Amino acid sequence: MGLRINTNVEALNAHRNLSNTANALSRSMQRLSSGLRINSAGDDAA
């Protein structure tokens, strides 16, 4: 009996996109609530 692994590529892509959007929203909310454009060293490398 062979082993079959099924993946739902569309669901994986949707999950990745949702995670990226949630992270971007979190960063935006942190900036908005602090009133600062730069909150950490990684925000503005220049």
PDB file of N, CA and C in Angstrom:
ATOM      1  N   MET A   1       0.845  -1.171   0.000  1.00  0.00           N
ATOM      2  CA  MET A   1       0.000   0.000   0.000  1.00  0.00           C
ATOM      3  C   MET A   1       0.895   1.240   0.000  1.00  0.00           C
ATOM      4  N   GLY A   2       0.645   2.142  -0.937  1.00  0.00           N
ATOM      5  CA  GLY A   2       1.441   3.360  -1.039  1.00  0.00           C
ATOM      6  C   GLY A   2       0.950   4.441  -0.091  1.00  0.00           C
ATOM      7  N   LEU A   3       1.858   5.292   0.259  1.00  0.00           N
ATOM      8  CA  LEU A   3       1.530   6.419   1.133  1.00  0.00           C
ATOM      9  C   LEU A   3       1.241   7.634   0.268  1.00  0.00           C
ATOM     10  N   ARG A   4       0.140   8.265   0.516  1.00  0.00           N
ATOM     11  CA  ARG A   4      -0.242   9.452  -0.260  1.00  0.00           C
ATOM     12  C   ARG A   4      -0.371  10.644   0.681  1.00  0.00           C
ATOM     13  N   ILE A   5       0.342  11.697   0.352  1.00  0.00           N
ATOM     14  CA  ILE A   5       0.291  12.921   1.149  1.00  0.00           C
ATOM     15  C   ILE A   5      -0.362  14.001   0.303  1.00  0.00           C
ATOM     16  N   ASN A   6      -1.470  14.514   0.782  1.00  0.00           N
ATOM     17  CA  ASN A   6      -2.180  15.576   0.086  1.00  0.00           C
ATOM     18  C   ASN A   6      -1.955  16.898   0.821  1.00  0.00           C
ATOM     19  N   THR A   7      -1.724  17.950   0.070  1.00  0.00           N
ATOM     20  CA  THR A   7      -1.626  19.273   0.666  1.00  0.00           C
ATOM     21  C   THR A   7      -2.576  20.204  -0.068  1.00  0.00           C
ATOM     22  N   ASN A   8      -3.116  21.136   0.657  1.00  0.00           N
ATOM     23  CA  ASN A   8      -4.001  22.127   0.070  1.00  0.00           C
ATOM     24  C   ASN A   8      -3.168  23.393  -0.112  1.00  0.00           C
ATOM     25  N   VAL A   9      -2.617  23.553  -1.298  1.00  0.00           N
ATOM     26  CA  VAL A   9      -1.700  24.663  -1.578  1.00  0.00           C
ATOM     27  C   VAL A   9      -2.394  26.001  -1.401  1.00  0.00           C
ATOM     28  N   GLU A  10      -3.645  26.084  -1.840  1.00  0.00           N
ATOM     29  CA  GLU A  10      -4.369  27.343  -1.706  1.00  0.00           C
ATOM     30  C   GLU A  10      -4.528  27.731  -0.241  1.00  0.00           C
ATOM     31  N   ALA A  11      -4.829  26.764   0.607  1.00  0.00           N
ATOM     32  CA  ALA A  11      -4.991  27.038   2.039  1.00  0.00           C
ATOM     33  C   ALA A  11      -3.659  27.445   2.664  1.00  0.00           C
ATOM     34  N   LEU A  12      -2.572  26.808   2.252  1.00  0.00           N
ATOM     35  CA  LEU A  12      -1.259  27.178   2.777  1.00  0.00           C
ATOM     36  C   LEU A  12      -0.882  28.602   2.363  1.00  0.00           C
ATOM     37  N   ASN A  13      -1.163  28.967   1.120  1.00  0.00           N
ATOM     38  CA  ASN A  13      -0.893  30.326   0.655  1.00  0.00           C
ATOM     39  C   ASN A  13      -1.752  31.337   1.394  1.00  0.00           C
ATOM     40  N   ALA A  14      -3.015  31.020   1.598  1.00  0.00           N
ATOM     41  CA  ALA A  14      -3.913  31.922   2.322  1.00  0.00           C
ATOM     42  C   ALA A  14      -3.427  32.111   3.754  1.00  0.00           C
ATOM     43  N   HIS A  15      -2.977  31.047   4.377  1.00  0.00           N
ATOM     44  CA  HIS A  15      -2.468  31.134   5.748  1.00  0.00           C
ATOM     45  C   HIS A  15      -1.216  31.995   5.817  1.00  0.00           C
ATOM     46  N   ARG A  16      -0.310  31.815   4.870  1.00  0.00           N
ATOM     47  CA  ARG A  16       0.917  32.620   4.832  1.00  0.00           C
ATOM     48  C   ARG A  16       0.596  34.096   4.634  1.00  0.00           C
ATOM     49  N   ASN A  17      -0.318  34.382   3.699  1.00  0.00           N
ATOM     50  CA  ASN A  17      -0.705  35.769   3.447  1.00  0.00           C
ATOM     51  C   ASN A  17      -1.394  36.385   4.653  1.00  0.00           C
ATOM     52  N   LEU A  18      -2.234  35.619   5.329  1.00  0.00           N
ATOM     53  CA  LEU A  18      -2.906  36.115   6.520  1.00  0.00           C
ATOM     54  C   LEU A  18      -1.897  36.406   7.628  1.00  0.00           C
ATOM     55  N   SER A  19      -0.922  35.547   7.790  1.00  0.00           N
ATOM     56  CA  SER A  19       0.111  35.762   8.799  1.00  0.00           C
ATOM     57  C   SER A  19       0.923  37.021   8.494  1.00  0.00           C
ATOM     58  N   ASN A  20       1.289  37.203   7.230  1.00  0.00           N
ATOM     59  CA  ASN A  20       2.041  38.402   6.843  1.00  0.00           C
ATOM     60  C   ASN A  20       1.229  39.666   7.087  1.00  0.00           C
ATOM     61  N   THR A  21      -0.060  39.611   6.764  1.00  0.00           N
ATOM     62  CA  THR A  21      -0.930  40.770   6.973  1.00  0.00           C
ATOM     63  C   THR A  21      -1.101  41.064   8.454  1.00  0.00           C
ATOM     64  N   ALA A  22      -1.243  40.032   9.264  1.00  0.00           N
ATOM     65  CA  ALA A  22      -1.390  40.221  10.707  1.00  0.00           C
ATOM     66  C   ALA A  22      -0.124  40.837  11.299  1.00  0.00           C
ATOM     67  N   ASN A  23       1.038  40.407  10.828  1.00  0.00           N
ATOM     68  CA  ASN A  23       2.295  40.984  11.310  1.00  0.00           C
ATOM     69  C   ASN A  23       2.422  42.449  10.917  1.00  0.00           C
ATOM     70  N   ALA A  24       2.048  42.771   9.684  1.00  0.00           N
ATOM     71  CA  ALA A  24       2.102  44.165   9.230  1.00  0.00           C
ATOM     72  C   ALA A  24       1.126  45.025  10.025  1.00  0.00           C
ATOM     73  N   LEU A  25      -0.051  44.501  10.312  1.00  0.00           N
ATOM     74  CA  LEU A  25      -1.040  45.229  11.106  1.00  0.00           C
ATOM     75  C   LEU A  25      -0.516  45.468  12.514  1.00  0.00           C
ATOM     76  N   SER A  26       0.120  44.470  13.082  1.00  0.00           N
ATOM     77  CA  SER A  26       0.683  44.609  14.428  1.00  0.00           C
ATOM     78  C   SER A  26       1.736  45.711  14.472  1.00  0.00           C
ATOM     79  N   ARG A  27       2.614  45.745  13.462  1.00  0.00           N
ATOM     80  CA  ARG A  27       3.642  46.799  13.405  1.00  0.00           C
ATOM     81  C   ARG A  27       2.997  48.171  13.254  1.00  0.00           C
ATOM     82  N   SER A  28       1.990  48.259  12.399  1.00  0.00           N
ATOM     83  CA  SER A  28       1.310  49.538  12.184  1.00  0.00           C
ATOM     84  C   SER A  28       0.606  50.012  13.451  1.00  0.00           C
ATOM     85  N   MET A  29      -0.041  49.105  14.151  1.00  0.00           N
ATOM     86  CA  MET A  29      -0.734  49.476  15.387  1.00  0.00           C
ATOM     87  C   MET A  29       0.258  49.917  16.458  1.00  0.00           C
ATOM     88  N   GLN A  30       1.421  49.273  16.507  1.00  0.00           N
ATOM     89  CA  GLN A  30       2.445  49.663  17.473  1.00  0.00           C
ATOM     90  C   GLN A  30       2.934  51.080  17.179  1.00  0.00           C
ATOM     91  N   ARG A  31       3.163  51.375  15.903  1.00  0.00           N
ATOM     92  CA  ARG A  31       3.609  52.711  15.518  1.00  0.00           C
ATOM     93  C   ARG A  31       2.531  53.749  15.793  1.00  0.00           C
ATOM     94  N   LEU A  32       1.298  53.407  15.486  1.00  0.00           N
ATOM     95  CA  LEU A  32       0.190  54.335  15.680  1.00  0.00           C
ATOM     96  C   LEU A  32      -0.021  54.632  17.167  1.00  0.00           C
ATOM     97  N   SER A  33       0.040  53.606  18.000  1.00  0.00           N
ATOM     98  CA  SER A  33      -0.217  53.797  19.419  1.00  0.00           C
ATOM     99  C   SER A  33       0.915  54.546  20.120  1.00  0.00           C
ATOM    100  N   SER A  34       2.136  54.412  19.616  1.00  0.00           N
ATOM    101  CA  SER A  34       3.270  55.084  20.249  1.00  0.00           C
ATOM    102  C   SER A  34       3.458  56.494  19.708  1.00  0.00           C
ATOM    103  N   GLY A  35       2.903  56.762  18.522  1.00  0.00           N
ATOM    104  CA  GLY A  35       3.085  58.065  17.906  1.00  0.00           C
ATOM    105  C   GLY A  35       4.455  58.241  17.286  1.00  0.00           C
ATOM    106  N   LEU A  36       5.232  57.186  17.228  1.00  0.00           N
ATOM    107  CA  LEU A  36       6.582  57.241  16.681  1.00  0.00           C
ATOM    108  C   LEU A  36       6.657  56.486  15.366  1.00  0.00           C
ATOM    109  N   ARG A  37       7.444  57.010  14.427  1.00  0.00           N
ATOM    110  CA  ARG A  37       7.655  56.297  13.171  1.00  0.00           C
ATOM    111  C   ARG A  37       8.668  55.180  13.373  1.00  0.00           C
ATOM    112  N   ILE A  38       9.630  55.406  14.272  1.00  0.00           N
ATOM    113  CA  ILE A  38      10.676  54.423  14.531  1.00  0.00           C
ATOM    114  C   ILE A  38      10.539  53.949  15.977  1.00  0.00           C
ATOM    115  N   ASN A  39      10.233  52.664  16.142  1.00  0.00           N
ATOM    116  CA  ASN A  39      10.087  52.080  17.471  1.00  0.00           C
ATOM    117  C   ASN A  39      11.237  51.148  17.830  1.00  0.00           C
ATOM    118  N   SER A  40      11.893  50.625  16.816  1.00  0.00           N
ATOM    119  CA  SER A  40      12.999  49.708  17.078  1.00  0.00           C
ATOM    120  C   SER A  40      14.087  49.942  16.038  1.00  0.00           C
ATOM    121  N   ALA A  41      15.253  49.391  16.275  1.00  0.00           N
ATOM    122  CA  ALA A  41      16.397  49.608  15.391  1.00  0.00           C
ATOM    123  C   ALA A  41      16.121  49.111  13.973  1.00  0.00           C
ATOM    124  N   GLY A  42      15.296  48.096  13.813  1.00  0.00           N
ATOM    125  CA  GLY A  42      15.022  47.534  12.498  1.00  0.00           C
ATOM    126  C   GLY A  42      14.005  48.309  11.685  1.00  0.00           C
ATOM    127  N   ASP A  43      13.371  49.320  12.262  1.00  0.00           N
ATOM    128  CA  ASP A  43      12.335  50.063  11.544  1.00  0.00           C
ATOM    129  C   ASP A  43      12.885  50.945  10.438  1.00  0.00           C
ATOM    130  N   ASP A  44      14.045  51.562  10.652  1.00  0.00           N
ATOM    131  CA  ASP A  44      14.591  52.495   9.665  1.00  0.00           C
ATOM    132  C   ASP A  44      16.105  52.327   9.613  1.00  0.00           C
ATOM    133  N   ALA A  45      16.569  51.528   8.655  1.00  0.00           N
ATOM    134  CA  ALA A  45      17.999  51.222   8.574  1.00  0.00           C
ATOM    135  C   ALA A  45      18.831  52.428   8.154  1.00  0.00           C
ATOM    136  N   ALA A  46      18.231  53.388   7.505  1.00  0.00           N
ATOM    137  CA  ALA A  46      18.983  54.556   7.024  1.00  0.00           C
ATOM    138  C   ALA A  46      19.185  55.524   8.107  1.00  0.00           C
TER     139      ALA A  46
END
